Amino acid sequence: MEIPGYGRIEFKAVLFDLNGTLGVEGRVPDDVKELLKKLSEKYTVVVLSADTFGTLEEEFRGLPVKIERVSSGFEKARIAEGYVPYAAVGNGNNDIPMLEKAELAFCIVGKEGASVDALLVSDIAVTDVRDAIEMLLNEKKLIATLRR
């Protein structure tokens, strides 16, 4: 997509962190899962998580998303390289390497907060992952936010 005054951005995948981004304490709300289904019709959707709460497989069973278990932010970045070009959605320090290399990076400042450094390397900050997904589903919302 072409964003006036910002430039052209293209990506084929959207990579998400789980905890603090898609859900809280490893649980993803049903309406967010429905939005992920819609997003998967347009992009490859990938969830990267250390699975702190042990819910990764259970939460995404039956959904058209790929899941990747990781142990560090650097591992997230290494896996992300296989999806270039990509958009990334995260909130924590371990998301920074993934966010830095994304064509488009969202920081979610939600109930679990966000690291300042993750915020600083992101292109867009929102308070709810639903807003980020809806922006990815409707390019005009991205254009309205990023145009200069």
C-alpha atoms as a PDB file:
ATOM      1  CA  MET A   1       0.000   0.000   0.000  1.00  0.00           C
ATOM      2  CA  GLU A   2       1.094   3.539  -0.705  1.00  0.00           C
ATOM      3  CA  ILE A   3       0.868   5.949   2.210  1.00  0.00           C
ATOM      4  CA  PRO A   4       1.111   9.627   1.230  1.00  0.00           C
ATOM      5  CA  GLY A   5       4.241  11.246   2.598  1.00  0.00           C
ATOM      6  CA  TYR A   6       5.260   8.015   4.342  1.00  0.00           C
ATOM      7  CA  GLY A   7       6.052   5.675   1.486  1.00  0.00           C
ATOM      8  CA  ARG A   8       5.132   2.234   0.267  1.00  0.00           C
ATOM      9  CA  ILE A   9       4.783  -0.658   2.699  1.00  0.00           C
ATOM     10  CA  GLU A  10       4.231  -4.263   1.787  1.00  0.00           C
ATOM     11  CA  PHE A  11       4.088  -7.389   3.897  1.00  0.00           C
ATOM     12  CA  LYS A  12       2.828 -10.915   3.511  1.00  0.00           C
ATOM     13  CA  ALA A  13       2.658 -11.975   7.155  1.00  0.00           C
ATOM     14  CA  VAL A  14       1.623 -10.524  10.491  1.00  0.00           C
ATOM     15  CA  LEU A  15       3.554 -11.730  13.538  1.00  0.00           C
ATOM     16  CA  PHE A  16       2.063 -11.443  17.008  1.00  0.00           C
ATOM     17  CA  ASP A  17       3.342 -11.813  20.530  1.00  0.00           C
ATOM     18  CA  LEU A  18       0.875 -13.624  22.816  1.00  0.00           C
ATOM     19  CA  ASN A  19       1.059 -12.327  26.387  1.00  0.00           C
ATOM     20  CA  GLY A  20       0.210  -8.673  26.797  1.00  0.00           C
ATOM     21  CA  THR A  21      -0.483  -8.391  23.078  1.00  0.00           C
ATOM     22  CA  LEU A  22      -3.127 -10.879  21.909  1.00  0.00           C
ATOM     23  CA  GLY A  23      -4.252 -11.827  25.372  1.00  0.00           C
ATOM     24  CA  VAL A  24      -3.734 -11.655  29.090  1.00  0.00           C
ATOM     25  CA  GLU A  25      -2.197 -14.506  31.070  1.00  0.00           C
ATOM     26  CA  GLY A  26      -2.144 -16.695  27.979  1.00  0.00           C
ATOM     27  CA  ARG A  27      -5.857 -16.351  27.211  1.00  0.00           C
ATOM     28  CA  VAL A  28      -7.129 -14.796  23.980  1.00  0.00           C
ATOM     29  CA  PRO A  29     -10.689 -13.395  23.876  1.00  0.00           C
ATOM     30  CA  ASP A  30     -13.047 -15.051  21.405  1.00  0.00           C
ATOM     31  CA  ASP A  31     -13.622 -11.843  19.443  1.00  0.00           C
ATOM     32  CA  VAL A  32      -9.862 -11.467  18.945  1.00  0.00           C
ATOM     33  CA  LYS A  33      -9.757 -15.039  17.624  1.00  0.00           C
ATOM     34  CA  GLU A  34     -12.497 -14.108  15.137  1.00  0.00           C
ATOM     35  CA  LEU A  35     -10.459 -11.099  13.997  1.00  0.00           C
ATOM     36  CA  LEU A  36      -7.417 -13.358  13.547  1.00  0.00           C
ATOM     37  CA  LYS A  37      -9.516 -15.610  11.294  1.00  0.00           C
ATOM     38  CA  LYS A  38     -10.421 -12.617   9.121  1.00  0.00           C
ATOM     39  CA  LEU A  39      -6.817 -11.445   9.064  1.00  0.00           C
ATOM     40  CA  SER A  40      -5.645 -14.903   7.969  1.00  0.00           C
ATOM     41  CA  GLU A  41      -7.704 -14.509   4.794  1.00  0.00           C
ATOM     42  CA  LYS A  42      -5.384 -11.658   3.818  1.00  0.00           C
ATOM     43  CA  TYR A  43      -2.026 -12.522   5.432  1.00  0.00           C
ATOM     44  CA  THR A  44      -0.120 -15.381   7.005  1.00  0.00           C
ATOM     45  CA  VAL A  45      -0.745 -15.002  10.749  1.00  0.00           C
ATOM     46  CA  VAL A  46       1.952 -16.195  13.143  1.00  0.00           C
ATOM     47  CA  VAL A  47       1.976 -16.190  16.954  1.00  0.00           C
ATOM     48  CA  LEU A  48       5.404 -16.281  18.597  1.00  0.00           C
ATOM     49  CA  SER A  49       5.473 -16.982  22.319  1.00  0.00           C
ATOM     50  CA  ALA A  50       7.569 -18.410  25.120  1.00  0.00           C
ATOM     51  CA  ASP A  51       4.212 -19.821  26.300  1.00  0.00           C
ATOM     52  CA  THR A  52       4.698 -18.647  29.868  1.00  0.00           C
ATOM     53  CA  PHE A  53       1.203 -19.805  30.868  1.00  0.00           C
ATOM     54  CA  GLY A  54       1.230 -23.067  28.887  1.00  0.00           C
ATOM     55  CA  THR A  55      -1.789 -22.164  26.749  1.00  0.00           C
ATOM     56  CA  LEU A  56      -0.272 -21.684  23.282  1.00  0.00           C
ATOM     57  CA  GLU A  57      -1.556 -24.827  21.542  1.00  0.00           C
ATOM     58  CA  GLU A  58      -4.911 -24.783  23.317  1.00  0.00           C
ATOM     59  CA  GLU A  59      -5.690 -21.137  22.533  1.00  0.00           C
ATOM     60  CA  PHE A  60      -4.978 -21.450  18.811  1.00  0.00           C
ATOM     61  CA  ARG A  61      -6.207 -24.986  18.122  1.00  0.00           C
ATOM     62  CA  GLY A  62      -8.400 -24.980  15.017  1.00  0.00           C
ATOM     63  CA  LEU A  63      -7.483 -21.419  14.027  1.00  0.00           C
ATOM     64  CA  PRO A  64      -5.754 -20.677  10.706  1.00  0.00           C
ATOM     65  CA  VAL A  65      -2.610 -19.363  12.422  1.00  0.00           C
ATOM     66  CA  LYS A  66       0.899 -20.703  12.763  1.00  0.00           C
ATOM     67  CA  ILE A  67       2.363 -20.923  16.241  1.00  0.00           C
ATOM     68  CA  GLU A  68       6.044 -20.741  17.068  1.00  0.00           C
ATOM     69  CA  ARG A  69       7.429 -21.403  20.531  1.00  0.00           C
ATOM     70  CA  VAL A  70      10.425 -19.170  21.287  1.00  0.00           C
ATOM     71  CA  SER A  71      12.757 -18.658  24.199  1.00  0.00           C
ATOM     72  CA  SER A  72      13.958 -15.096  23.551  1.00  0.00           C
ATOM     73  CA  GLY A  73      13.437 -11.951  21.551  1.00  0.00           C
ATOM     74  CA  PHE A  74      16.421 -12.828  19.395  1.00  0.00           C
ATOM     75  CA  GLU A  75      14.767 -16.134  18.555  1.00  0.00           C
ATOM     76  CA  LYS A  76      11.604 -14.208  17.607  1.00  0.00           C
ATOM     77  CA  ALA A  77      13.695 -12.110  15.222  1.00  0.00           C
ATOM     78  CA  ARG A  78      15.361 -15.197  13.749  1.00  0.00           C
ATOM     79  CA  ILE A  79      11.998 -16.837  13.069  1.00  0.00           C
ATOM     80  CA  ALA A  80      10.584 -13.553  11.759  1.00  0.00           C
ATOM     81  CA  GLU A  81      13.286 -13.505   9.065  1.00  0.00           C
ATOM     82  CA  GLY A  82      11.472 -16.439   7.435  1.00  0.00           C
ATOM     83  CA  TYR A  83       8.391 -14.255   6.941  1.00  0.00           C
ATOM     84  CA  VAL A  84      10.006 -11.142   5.443  1.00  0.00           C
ATOM     85  CA  PRO A  85       8.371  -8.790   4.628  1.00  0.00           C
ATOM     86  CA  TYR A  86       6.138  -8.798   7.693  1.00  0.00           C
ATOM     87  CA  ALA A  87       4.184  -6.620  10.097  1.00  0.00           C
ATOM     88  CA  ALA A  88       4.709  -7.204  13.821  1.00  0.00           C
ATOM     89  CA  VAL A  89       2.565  -6.644  16.885  1.00  0.00           C
ATOM     90  CA  GLY A  90       4.058  -6.751  20.375  1.00  0.00           C
ATOM     91  CA  ASN A  91       4.487  -4.953  23.669  1.00  0.00           C
ATOM     92  CA  GLY A  92       7.579  -6.131  25.508  1.00  0.00           C
ATOM     93  CA  ASN A  93      11.339  -5.973  25.480  1.00  0.00           C
ATOM     94  CA  ASN A  94      11.509  -9.462  24.004  1.00  0.00           C
ATOM     95  CA  ASP A  95       9.483  -8.180  21.017  1.00  0.00           C
ATOM     96  CA  ILE A  96      11.943  -5.410  20.136  1.00  0.00           C
ATOM     97  CA  PRO A  97      14.124  -7.424  17.707  1.00  0.00           C
ATOM     98  CA  MET A  98      10.975  -8.553  15.841  1.00  0.00           C
ATOM     99  CA  LEU A  99       9.463  -5.033  15.850  1.00  0.00           C
ATOM    100  CA  GLU A 100      12.688  -3.362  14.670  1.00  0.00           C
ATOM    101  CA  LYS A 101      12.872  -5.429  11.489  1.00  0.00           C
ATOM    102  CA  ALA A 102       9.175  -5.235  10.597  1.00  0.00           C
ATOM    103  CA  GLU A 103       7.855  -3.274   7.635  1.00  0.00           C
ATOM    104  CA  LEU A 104       5.146  -2.078   9.996  1.00  0.00           C
ATOM    105  CA  ALA A 105       5.348  -2.384  13.787  1.00  0.00           C
ATOM    106  CA  PHE A 106       2.521  -1.988  16.292  1.00  0.00           C
ATOM    107  CA  CYS A 107       3.016  -1.593  20.017  1.00  0.00           C
ATOM    108  CA  ILE A 108       0.069  -2.605  22.180  1.00  0.00           C
ATOM    109  CA  VAL A 109      -0.131  -0.546  25.364  1.00  0.00           C
ATOM    110  CA  GLY A 110      -2.750  -2.661  27.095  1.00  0.00           C
ATOM    111  CA  LYS A 111      -3.553  -4.019  30.544  1.00  0.00           C
ATOM    112  CA  GLU A 112      -0.073  -5.507  30.922  1.00  0.00           C
ATOM    113  CA  GLY A 113       1.543  -2.280  29.752  1.00  0.00           C
ATOM    114  CA  ALA A 114       4.342  -1.952  27.232  1.00  0.00           C
ATOM    115  CA  SER A 115       8.038  -1.413  27.420  1.00  0.00           C
ATOM    116  CA  VAL A 116       9.128   2.089  26.461  1.00  0.00           C
ATOM    117  CA  ASP A 117      11.762   0.633  24.146  1.00  0.00           C
ATOM    118  CA  ALA A 118       9.145  -1.474  22.315  1.00  0.00           C
ATOM    119  CA  LEU A 119       7.056   1.668  21.920  1.00  0.00           C
ATOM    120  CA  LEU A 120       9.991   3.647  20.520  1.00  0.00           C
ATOM    121  CA  VAL A 121      10.767   1.123  17.759  1.00  0.00           C
ATOM    122  CA  SER A 122       7.120   0.863  16.667  1.00  0.00           C
ATOM    123  CA  ASP A 123       5.338   2.791  13.923  1.00  0.00           C
ATOM    124  CA  ILE A 124       1.932   2.766  15.614  1.00  0.00           C
ATOM    125  CA  ALA A 125       0.805   2.491  19.236  1.00  0.00           C
ATOM    126  CA  VAL A 126      -2.704   1.391  20.188  1.00  0.00           C
ATOM    127  CA  THR A 127      -4.311   0.395  23.466  1.00  0.00           C
ATOM    128  CA  ASP A 128      -6.008  -2.756  22.204  1.00  0.00           C
ATOM    129  CA  VAL A 129      -4.929  -5.461  19.776  1.00  0.00           C
ATOM    130  CA  ARG A 130      -8.382  -5.289  18.183  1.00  0.00           C
ATOM    131  CA  ASP A 131      -7.511  -1.811  16.920  1.00  0.00           C
ATOM    132  CA  ALA A 132      -4.256  -3.027  15.375  1.00  0.00           C
ATOM    133  CA  ILE A 133      -5.978  -5.940  13.628  1.00  0.00           C
ATOM    134  CA  GLU A 134      -8.769  -3.704  12.342  1.00  0.00           C
ATOM    135  CA  MET A 135      -6.161  -1.314  10.927  1.00  0.00           C
ATOM    136  CA  LEU A 136      -4.517  -4.230   9.143  1.00  0.00           C
ATOM    137  CA  LEU A 137      -7.891  -5.264   7.738  1.00  0.00           C
ATOM    138  CA  ASN A 138      -8.721  -1.747   6.529  1.00  0.00           C
ATOM    139  CA  GLU A 139      -5.830  -0.012   4.774  1.00  0.00           C
ATOM    140  CA  LYS A 140      -7.596   3.352   4.945  1.00  0.00           C
ATOM    141  CA  LYS A 141      -7.201   3.316   8.743  1.00  0.00           C
ATOM    142  CA  LEU A 142      -3.456   2.772   8.314  1.00  0.00           C
ATOM    143  CA  ILE A 143      -3.248   5.555   5.783  1.00  0.00           C
ATOM    144  CA  ALA A 144      -5.143   7.926   8.081  1.00  0.00           C
ATOM    145  CA  THR A 145      -2.706   7.219  10.922  1.00  0.00           C
ATOM    146  CA  LEU A 146       0.587   7.188   9.021  1.00  0.00           C
ATOM    147  CA  ARG A 147       0.161   9.805   6.286  1.00  0.00           C
ATOM    148  CA  ARG A 148       2.263  12.921   6.604  1.00  0.00           C
END
